[in-house]
Amino acid sequence: MAYRRTENVVRRLAARQDAIVAAARDAAGEGGMMAVQIAPVAARAGIAAGTVYRYFPGKTDLVGALIASVSEREIDMVRRAADAAPGPLSALAAALTTFAARALRRRKLAWAVIAEPVDPEVEAVRLRYRKELTAEIETRIRAAIDGAHLPEPDASLSAPAVVGALLEGLVGPLAPDVGDDPARAKEAVQALTLIALRGLGVVDARARGLVVQTAMPAEAT
């Protein structure tokens, strides 16, 4: 029985920590990283601020957990979409479309997690996500090159360039606002994916075919 009680306690502690991170994610999705403050996050989670400090000694710790949670989920979704594609070039298109569509659906959160100006301590944590995401895209580019579906660009240069183009074109401060219009969002995602594929050397007709054939991912969670 003692073991069961301990297991239940661990489960409750993990659930509370998840609730705190979820509250931080919702705050960032509405107001960016500046909105991730201990007291408001505690209020969202329905707990006292002191309880948050038991899990996360400071804001940097909380933001780090938020970024880790979001990055793990988003990279997993990109990887799953690519793995489900029938070939390496289709996998690359699926990876780009999935990342772009999910980022656009939660535009402010994506910008906050990846590129919004923040304290140096937070930037160090966030850099890990950008590196992991870029590495995943680089893997898909290299697979397409190995399969003779792409010319031989420098994948280590191409991958960060593609990620940067998608970010700036869809969720950056200069990106056009598509509002809540699904049709405009789909057009934006497909247009940026097409630009990325062309930039990597896919001939236009084939690039257009890949974009049309690649299904938009389900609603982000």
C-alpha atoms as a PDB file:
ATOM      1  CA  MET A   1       0.000   0.000   0.000  1.00  0.00           C
ATOM      2  CA  ALA A   2       2.855   2.409   0.773  1.00  0.00           C
ATOM      3  CA  TYR A   3       4.182   1.908  -2.741  1.00  0.00           C
ATOM      4  CA  ARG A   4       0.774   2.662  -4.229  1.00  0.00           C
ATOM      5  CA  ARG A   5       0.481   5.887  -2.209  1.00  0.00           C
ATOM      6  CA  THR A   6       3.936   6.960  -3.355  1.00  0.00           C
ATOM      7  CA  GLU A   7       3.002   6.231  -6.949  1.00  0.00           C
ATOM      8  CA  ASN A   8      -0.161   8.286  -6.583  1.00  0.00           C
ATOM      9  CA  VAL A   9       1.774  11.186  -5.102  1.00  0.00           C
ATOM     10  CA  VAL A  10       4.246  11.116  -7.983  1.00  0.00           C
ATOM     11  CA  ARG A  11       1.370  11.080 -10.439  1.00  0.00           C
ATOM     12  CA  ARG A  12      -0.309  14.046  -8.763  1.00  0.00           C
ATOM     13  CA  LEU A  13       2.938  16.017  -8.697  1.00  0.00           C
ATOM     14  CA  ALA A  14       3.524  15.328 -12.386  1.00  0.00           C
ATOM     15  CA  ALA A  15      -0.047  16.357 -13.222  1.00  0.00           C
ATOM     16  CA  ARG A  16       0.358  19.622 -11.339  1.00  0.00           C
ATOM     17  CA  GLN A  17       3.639  20.362 -13.071  1.00  0.00           C
ATOM     18  CA  ASP A  18       1.985  19.678 -16.431  1.00  0.00           C
ATOM     19  CA  ALA A  19      -0.855  22.039 -15.485  1.00  0.00           C
ATOM     20  CA  ILE A  20       1.618  24.800 -14.663  1.00  0.00           C
ATOM     21  CA  VAL A  21       3.428  24.367 -17.973  1.00  0.00           C
ATOM     22  CA  ALA A  22       0.096  24.316 -19.823  1.00  0.00           C
ATOM     23  CA  ALA A  23      -0.896  27.570 -18.122  1.00  0.00           C
ATOM     24  CA  ALA A  24       2.439  29.106 -19.137  1.00  0.00           C
ATOM     25  CA  ARG A  25       1.881  27.932 -22.703  1.00  0.00           C
ATOM     26  CA  ASP A  26      -1.565  29.546 -22.798  1.00  0.00           C
ATOM     27  CA  ALA A  27      -0.128  32.786 -21.417  1.00  0.00           C
ATOM     28  CA  ALA A  28       2.643  32.831 -24.045  1.00  0.00           C
ATOM     29  CA  GLY A  29       0.091  32.059 -26.752  1.00  0.00           C
ATOM     30  CA  GLU A  30      -1.855  35.171 -25.805  1.00  0.00           C
ATOM     31  CA  GLY A  31       0.842  37.649 -24.861  1.00  0.00           C
ATOM     32  CA  GLY A  32       4.244  36.240 -25.766  1.00  0.00           C
ATOM     33  CA  MET A  33       7.033  35.492 -23.313  1.00  0.00           C
ATOM     34  CA  MET A  34       6.468  38.760 -21.457  1.00  0.00           C
ATOM     35  CA  ALA A  35       3.127  37.317 -20.334  1.00  0.00           C
ATOM     36  CA  VAL A  36       4.795  34.321 -18.681  1.00  0.00           C
ATOM     37  CA  GLN A  37       4.987  35.597 -15.110  1.00  0.00           C
ATOM     38  CA  ILE A  38       4.739  33.432 -12.002  1.00  0.00           C
ATOM     39  CA  ALA A  39       1.647  35.001 -10.402  1.00  0.00           C
ATOM     40  CA  PRO A  40      -0.555  35.113 -13.527  1.00  0.00           C
ATOM     41  CA  VAL A  41       0.497  31.589 -14.503  1.00  0.00           C
ATOM     42  CA  ALA A  42      -0.389  30.368 -11.011  1.00  0.00           C
ATOM     43  CA  ALA A  43      -3.805  32.001 -11.311  1.00  0.00           C
ATOM     44  CA  ARG A  44      -4.388  30.282 -14.656  1.00  0.00           C
ATOM     45  CA  ALA A  45      -3.413  26.949 -13.148  1.00  0.00           C
ATOM     46  CA  GLY A  46      -5.679  27.539 -10.130  1.00  0.00           C
ATOM     47  CA  ILE A  47      -2.876  27.309  -7.575  1.00  0.00           C
ATOM     48  CA  ALA A  48      -0.910  29.643  -5.329  1.00  0.00           C
ATOM     49  CA  ALA A  49       2.194  31.377  -6.661  1.00  0.00           C
ATOM     50  CA  GLY A  50       4.231  29.704  -3.921  1.00  0.00           C
ATOM     51  CA  THR A  51       3.269  26.334  -5.354  1.00  0.00           C
ATOM     52  CA  VAL A  52       4.690  27.287  -8.731  1.00  0.00           C
ATOM     53  CA  TYR A  53       7.995  28.160  -7.061  1.00  0.00           C
ATOM     54  CA  ARG A  54       8.132  24.653  -5.586  1.00  0.00           C
ATOM     55  CA  TYR A  55       8.319  23.282  -9.126  1.00  0.00           C
ATOM     56  CA  PHE A  56      10.128  26.143 -10.849  1.00  0.00           C
ATOM     57  CA  PRO A  57      12.439  28.290  -8.667  1.00  0.00           C
ATOM     58  CA  GLY A  58      12.331  31.190 -11.131  1.00  0.00           C
ATOM     59  CA  LYS A  59      10.811  32.419 -14.366  1.00  0.00           C
ATOM     60  CA  THR A  60      13.725  31.130 -16.427  1.00  0.00           C
ATOM     61  CA  ASP A  61      13.073  27.604 -15.155  1.00  0.00           C
ATOM     62  CA  LEU A  62       9.394  27.889 -16.051  1.00  0.00           C
ATOM     63  CA  VAL A  63      10.113  29.272 -19.503  1.00  0.00           C
ATOM     64  CA  GLY A  64      12.661  26.523 -20.075  1.00  0.00           C
ATOM     65  CA  ALA A  65      10.070  23.877 -19.234  1.00  0.00           C
ATOM     66  CA  LEU A  66       7.566  25.599 -21.528  1.00  0.00           C
ATOM     67  CA  ILE A  67       9.994  25.656 -24.448  1.00  0.00           C
ATOM     68  CA  ALA A  68      10.973  22.024 -23.852  1.00  0.00           C
ATOM     69  CA  SER A  69       7.328  20.963 -23.788  1.00  0.00           C
ATOM     70  CA  VAL A  70       6.402  22.830 -26.957  1.00  0.00           C
ATOM     71  CA  SER A  71       9.539  21.828 -28.842  1.00  0.00           C
ATOM     72  CA  GLU A  72       9.163  18.141 -28.017  1.00  0.00           C
ATOM     73  CA  ARG A  73       5.581  18.155 -29.254  1.00  0.00           C
ATOM     74  CA  GLU A  74       6.248  20.126 -32.435  1.00  0.00           C
ATOM     75  CA  ILE A  75       9.325  18.173 -33.493  1.00  0.00           C
ATOM     76  CA  ASP A  76       7.451  14.938 -32.867  1.00  0.00           C
ATOM     77  CA  MET A  77       4.606  16.099 -35.111  1.00  0.00           C
ATOM     78  CA  VAL A  78       7.033  17.126 -37.867  1.00  0.00           C
ATOM     79  CA  ARG A  79       8.837  13.780 -37.628  1.00  0.00           C
ATOM     80  CA  ARG A  80       5.620  11.757 -37.677  1.00  0.00           C
ATOM     81  CA  ALA A  81       4.302  13.601 -40.729  1.00  0.00           C
ATOM     82  CA  ALA A  82       7.569  13.061 -42.593  1.00  0.00           C
ATOM     83  CA  ASP A  83       7.790   9.388 -41.617  1.00  0.00           C
ATOM     84  CA  ALA A  84       4.272   8.796 -42.958  1.00  0.00           C
ATOM     85  CA  ALA A  85       5.150  10.187 -46.411  1.00  0.00           C
ATOM     86  CA  PRO A  86       5.750   7.771 -49.310  1.00  0.00           C
ATOM     87  CA  GLY A  87       9.225   9.010 -50.234  1.00  0.00           C
ATOM     88  CA  PRO A  88      12.053  11.324 -49.162  1.00  0.00           C
ATOM     89  CA  LEU A  89      10.936  14.329 -51.206  1.00  0.00           C
ATOM     90  CA  SER A  90       7.349  13.944 -50.048  1.00  0.00           C
ATOM     91  CA  ALA A  91       8.694  13.581 -46.509  1.00  0.00           C
ATOM     92  CA  LEU A  92      10.527  16.885 -46.821  1.00  0.00           C
ATOM     93  CA  ALA A  93       7.382  18.618 -48.081  1.00  0.00           C
ATOM     94  CA  ALA A  94       5.332  17.074 -45.279  1.00  0.00           C
ATOM     95  CA  ALA A  95       7.836  18.201 -42.657  1.00  0.00           C
ATOM     96  CA  LEU A  96       7.841  21.777 -43.955  1.00  0.00           C
ATOM     97  CA  THR A  97       4.055  21.961 -44.282  1.00  0.00           C
ATOM     98  CA  THR A  98       3.447  20.491 -40.846  1.00  0.00           C
ATOM     99  CA  PHE A  99       5.826  22.860 -39.109  1.00  0.00           C
ATOM    100  CA  ALA A 100       4.477  25.861 -41.010  1.00  0.00           C
ATOM    101  CA  ALA A 101       0.800  25.055 -40.498  1.00  0.00           C
ATOM    102  CA  ARG A 102       1.120  24.355 -36.798  1.00  0.00           C
ATOM    103  CA  ALA A 103       3.209  27.478 -36.236  1.00  0.00           C
ATOM    104  CA  LEU A 104       0.689  29.632 -38.088  1.00  0.00           C
ATOM    105  CA  ARG A 105      -2.246  28.265 -36.101  1.00  0.00           C
ATOM    106  CA  ARG A 106      -0.575  29.405 -32.873  1.00  0.00           C
ATOM    107  CA  ARG A 107       1.397  32.242 -34.323  1.00  0.00           C
ATOM    108  CA  LYS A 108       2.173  34.194 -31.169  1.00  0.00           C
ATOM    109  CA  LEU A 109       3.220  31.069 -29.277  1.00  0.00           C
ATOM    110  CA  ALA A 110       5.482  29.939 -32.118  1.00  0.00           C
ATOM    111  CA  TRP A 111       7.187  33.326 -32.256  1.00  0.00           C
ATOM    112  CA  ALA A 112       7.545  33.419 -28.471  1.00  0.00           C
ATOM    113  CA  VAL A 113       9.098  29.960 -28.295  1.00  0.00           C
ATOM    114  CA  ILE A 114      11.436  30.344 -31.262  1.00  0.00           C
ATOM    115  CA  ALA A 115      12.370  33.938 -31.971  1.00  0.00           C
ATOM    116  CA  GLU A 116      10.876  36.615 -29.697  1.00  0.00           C
ATOM    117  CA  PRO A 117      13.626  38.735 -28.052  1.00  0.00           C
ATOM    118  CA  VAL A 118      14.195  37.412 -24.535  1.00  0.00           C
ATOM    119  CA  ASP A 119      16.743  37.359 -21.720  1.00  0.00           C
ATOM    120  CA  PRO A 120      20.078  35.653 -22.512  1.00  0.00           C
ATOM    121  CA  GLU A 121      19.303  32.803 -20.091  1.00  0.00           C
ATOM    122  CA  VAL A 122      16.087  32.012 -21.956  1.00  0.00           C
ATOM    123  CA  GLU A 123      17.772  32.386 -25.332  1.00  0.00           C
ATOM    124  CA  ALA A 124      20.225  29.632 -24.419  1.00  0.00           C
ATOM    125  CA  VAL A 125      17.359  27.261 -23.654  1.00  0.00           C
ATOM    126  CA  ARG A 126      15.462  28.208 -26.791  1.00  0.00           C
ATOM    127  CA  LEU A 127      18.494  27.718 -29.015  1.00  0.00           C
ATOM    128  CA  ARG A 128      18.318  23.997 -28.326  1.00  0.00           C
ATOM    129  CA  TYR A 129      14.844  23.852 -29.878  1.00  0.00           C
ATOM    130  CA  ARG A 130      15.941  25.719 -32.979  1.00  0.00           C
ATOM    131  CA  LYS A 131      18.902  23.389 -33.367  1.00  0.00           C
ATOM    132  CA  GLU A 132      16.743  20.275 -32.999  1.00  0.00           C
ATOM    133  CA  LEU A 133      14.150  21.568 -35.451  1.00  0.00           C
ATOM    134  CA  THR A 134      16.801  22.565 -37.965  1.00  0.00           C
ATOM    135  CA  ALA A 135      18.492  19.166 -37.558  1.00  0.00           C
ATOM    136  CA  GLU A 136      15.209  17.416 -38.360  1.00  0.00           C
ATOM    137  CA  ILE A 137      14.748  19.471 -41.525  1.00  0.00           C
ATOM    138  CA  GLU A 138      18.400  18.878 -42.458  1.00  0.00           C
ATOM    139  CA  THR A 139      17.854  15.133 -42.095  1.00  0.00           C
ATOM    140  CA  ARG A 140      14.966  15.310 -44.563  1.00  0.00           C
ATOM    141  CA  ILE A 141      16.976  17.418 -47.016  1.00  0.00           C
ATOM    142  CA  ARG A 142      19.890  14.967 -46.886  1.00  0.00           C
ATOM    143  CA  ALA A 143      17.552  12.023 -47.478  1.00  0.00           C
ATOM    144  CA  ALA A 144      16.148  13.744 -50.565  1.00  0.00           C
ATOM    145  CA  ILE A 145      19.674  14.444 -51.826  1.00  0.00           C
ATOM    146  CA  ASP A 146      20.712  10.836 -51.213  1.00  0.00           C
ATOM    147  CA  GLY A 147      17.673   9.667 -53.190  1.00  0.00           C
ATOM    148  CA  ALA A 148      18.693  11.913 -56.113  1.00  0.00           C
ATOM    149  CA  HIS A 149      15.531  13.989 -55.707  1.00  0.00           C
ATOM    150  CA  LEU A 150      17.472  17.196 -55.076  1.00  0.00           C
ATOM    151  CA  PRO A 151      20.706  18.675 -56.388  1.00  0.00           C
ATOM    152  CA  GLU A 152      23.478  18.710 -53.849  1.00  0.00           C
ATOM    153  CA  PRO A 153      23.197  21.962 -51.910  1.00  0.00           C
ATOM    154  CA  ASP A 154      24.926  22.272 -48.567  1.00  0.00           C
ATOM    155  CA  ALA A 155      22.227  20.812 -46.325  1.00  0.00           C
ATOM    156  CA  SER A 156      23.790  22.339 -43.222  1.00  0.00           C
ATOM    157  CA  LEU A 157      23.293  25.795 -44.771  1.00  0.00           C
ATOM    158  CA  SER A 158      19.985  25.078 -46.479  1.00  0.00           C
ATOM    159  CA  ALA A 159      18.167  23.779 -43.404  1.00  0.00           C
ATOM    160  CA  PRO A 160      18.517  26.902 -41.210  1.00  0.00           C
ATOM    161  CA  ALA A 161      17.732  29.086 -44.239  1.00  0.00           C
ATOM    162  CA  VAL A 162      14.488  27.197 -44.846  1.00  0.00           C
ATOM    163  CA  VAL A 163      13.474  27.332 -41.176  1.00  0.00           C
ATOM    164  CA  GLY A 164      14.238  31.047 -41.088  1.00  0.00           C
ATOM    165  CA  ALA A 165      12.188  31.697 -44.227  1.00  0.00           C
ATOM    166  CA  LEU A 166       9.168  29.857 -42.833  1.00  0.00           C
ATOM    167  CA  LEU A 167       9.390  31.700 -39.522  1.00  0.00           C
ATOM    168  CA  GLU A 168       9.758  35.168 -40.997  1.00  0.00           C
ATOM    169  CA  GLY A 169       7.179  34.552 -43.694  1.00  0.00           C
ATOM    170  CA  LEU A 170       4.495  33.119 -41.434  1.00  0.00           C
ATOM    171  CA  VAL A 171       4.893  34.210 -37.811  1.00  0.00           C
ATOM    172  CA  GLY A 172       7.522  36.963 -37.754  1.00  0.00           C
ATOM    173  CA  PRO A 173       6.645  40.614 -37.130  1.00  0.00           C
ATOM    174  CA  LEU A 174       6.714  41.376 -40.877  1.00  0.00           C
ATOM    175  CA  ALA A 175       4.516  38.428 -41.884  1.00  0.00           C
ATOM    176  CA  PRO A 176       1.049  39.235 -43.262  1.00  0.00           C
ATOM    177  CA  ASP A 177      -1.815  38.674 -40.859  1.00  0.00           C
ATOM    178  CA  VAL A 178      -4.108  35.922 -42.167  1.00  0.00           C
ATOM    179  CA  GLY A 179      -6.438  36.258 -39.182  1.00  0.00           C
ATOM    180  CA  ASP A 180      -8.719  33.291 -38.542  1.00  0.00           C
ATOM    181  CA  ASP A 181      -9.352  32.552 -42.205  1.00  0.00           C
ATOM    182  CA  PRO A 182      -8.469  28.865 -42.863  1.00  0.00           C
ATOM    183  CA  ALA A 183      -8.313  29.423 -46.625  1.00  0.00           C
ATOM    184  CA  ARG A 184      -5.812  32.275 -46.305  1.00  0.00           C
ATOM    185  CA  ALA A 185      -3.786  30.270 -43.802  1.00  0.00           C
ATOM    186  CA  LYS A 186      -3.653  27.309 -46.178  1.00  0.00           C
ATOM    187  CA  GLU A 187      -2.571  29.549 -49.039  1.00  0.00           C
ATOM    188  CA  ALA A 188       0.177  31.081 -46.912  1.00  0.00           C
ATOM    189  CA  VAL A 189       1.513  27.711 -45.772  1.00  0.00           C
ATOM    190  CA  GLN A 190       1.485  26.296 -49.292  1.00  0.00           C
ATOM    191  CA  ALA A 191       3.112  29.391 -50.759  1.00  0.00           C
ATOM    192  CA  LEU A 192       5.987  29.326 -48.251  1.00  0.00           C
ATOM    193  CA  THR A 193       6.445  25.567 -48.675  1.00  0.00           C
ATOM    194  CA  LEU A 194       6.610  26.079 -52.443  1.00  0.00           C
ATOM    195  CA  ILE A 195       9.218  28.828 -52.045  1.00  0.00           C
ATOM    196  CA  ALA A 196      11.296  26.565 -49.783  1.00  0.00           C
ATOM    197  CA  LEU A 197      11.158  23.639 -52.205  1.00  0.00           C
ATOM    198  CA  ARG A 198      12.089  25.854 -55.137  1.00  0.00           C
ATOM    199  CA  GLY A 199      14.977  27.267 -53.139  1.00  0.00           C
ATOM    200  CA  LEU A 200      16.254  23.751 -52.495  1.00  0.00           C
ATOM    201  CA  GLY A 201      16.280  23.047 -56.234  1.00  0.00           C
ATOM    202  CA  VAL A 202      13.002  21.236 -56.841  1.00  0.00           C
ATOM    203  CA  VAL A 203      11.803  22.122 -60.340  1.00  0.00           C
ATOM    204  CA  ASP A 204       8.696  24.262 -60.280  1.00  0.00           C
ATOM    205  CA  ALA A 205       6.172  21.787 -61.701  1.00  0.00           C
ATOM    206  CA  ARG A 206       7.221  19.084 -59.266  1.00  0.00           C
ATOM    207  CA  ALA A 207       7.336  21.493 -56.350  1.00  0.00           C
ATOM    208  CA  ARG A 208       3.787  22.597 -57.089  1.00  0.00           C
ATOM    209  CA  GLY A 209       2.660  18.980 -57.267  1.00  0.00           C
ATOM    210  CA  LEU A 210       4.233  18.179 -53.905  1.00  0.00           C
ATOM    211  CA  VAL A 211       2.574  21.173 -52.258  1.00  0.00           C
ATOM    212  CA  VAL A 212      -0.849  20.267 -53.647  1.00  0.00           C
ATOM    213  CA  GLN A 213      -0.497  16.608 -52.656  1.00  0.00           C
ATOM    214  CA  THR A 214       0.742  17.293 -49.118  1.00  0.00           C
ATOM    215  CA  ALA A 215      -2.235  17.297 -46.759  1.00  0.00           C
ATOM    216  CA  MET A 216      -2.504  20.054 -44.191  1.00  0.00           C
ATOM    217  CA  PRO A 217      -2.020  18.598 -40.697  1.00  0.00           C
ATOM    218  CA  ALA A 218      -4.846  18.316 -38.210  1.00  0.00           C
ATOM    219  CA  GLU A 219      -5.582  21.116 -35.760  1.00  0.00           C
ATOM    220  CA  ALA A 220      -2.675  21.782 -33.419  1.00  0.00           C
ATOM    221  CA  THR A 221      -2.991  20.579 -29.841  1.00  0.00           C
END
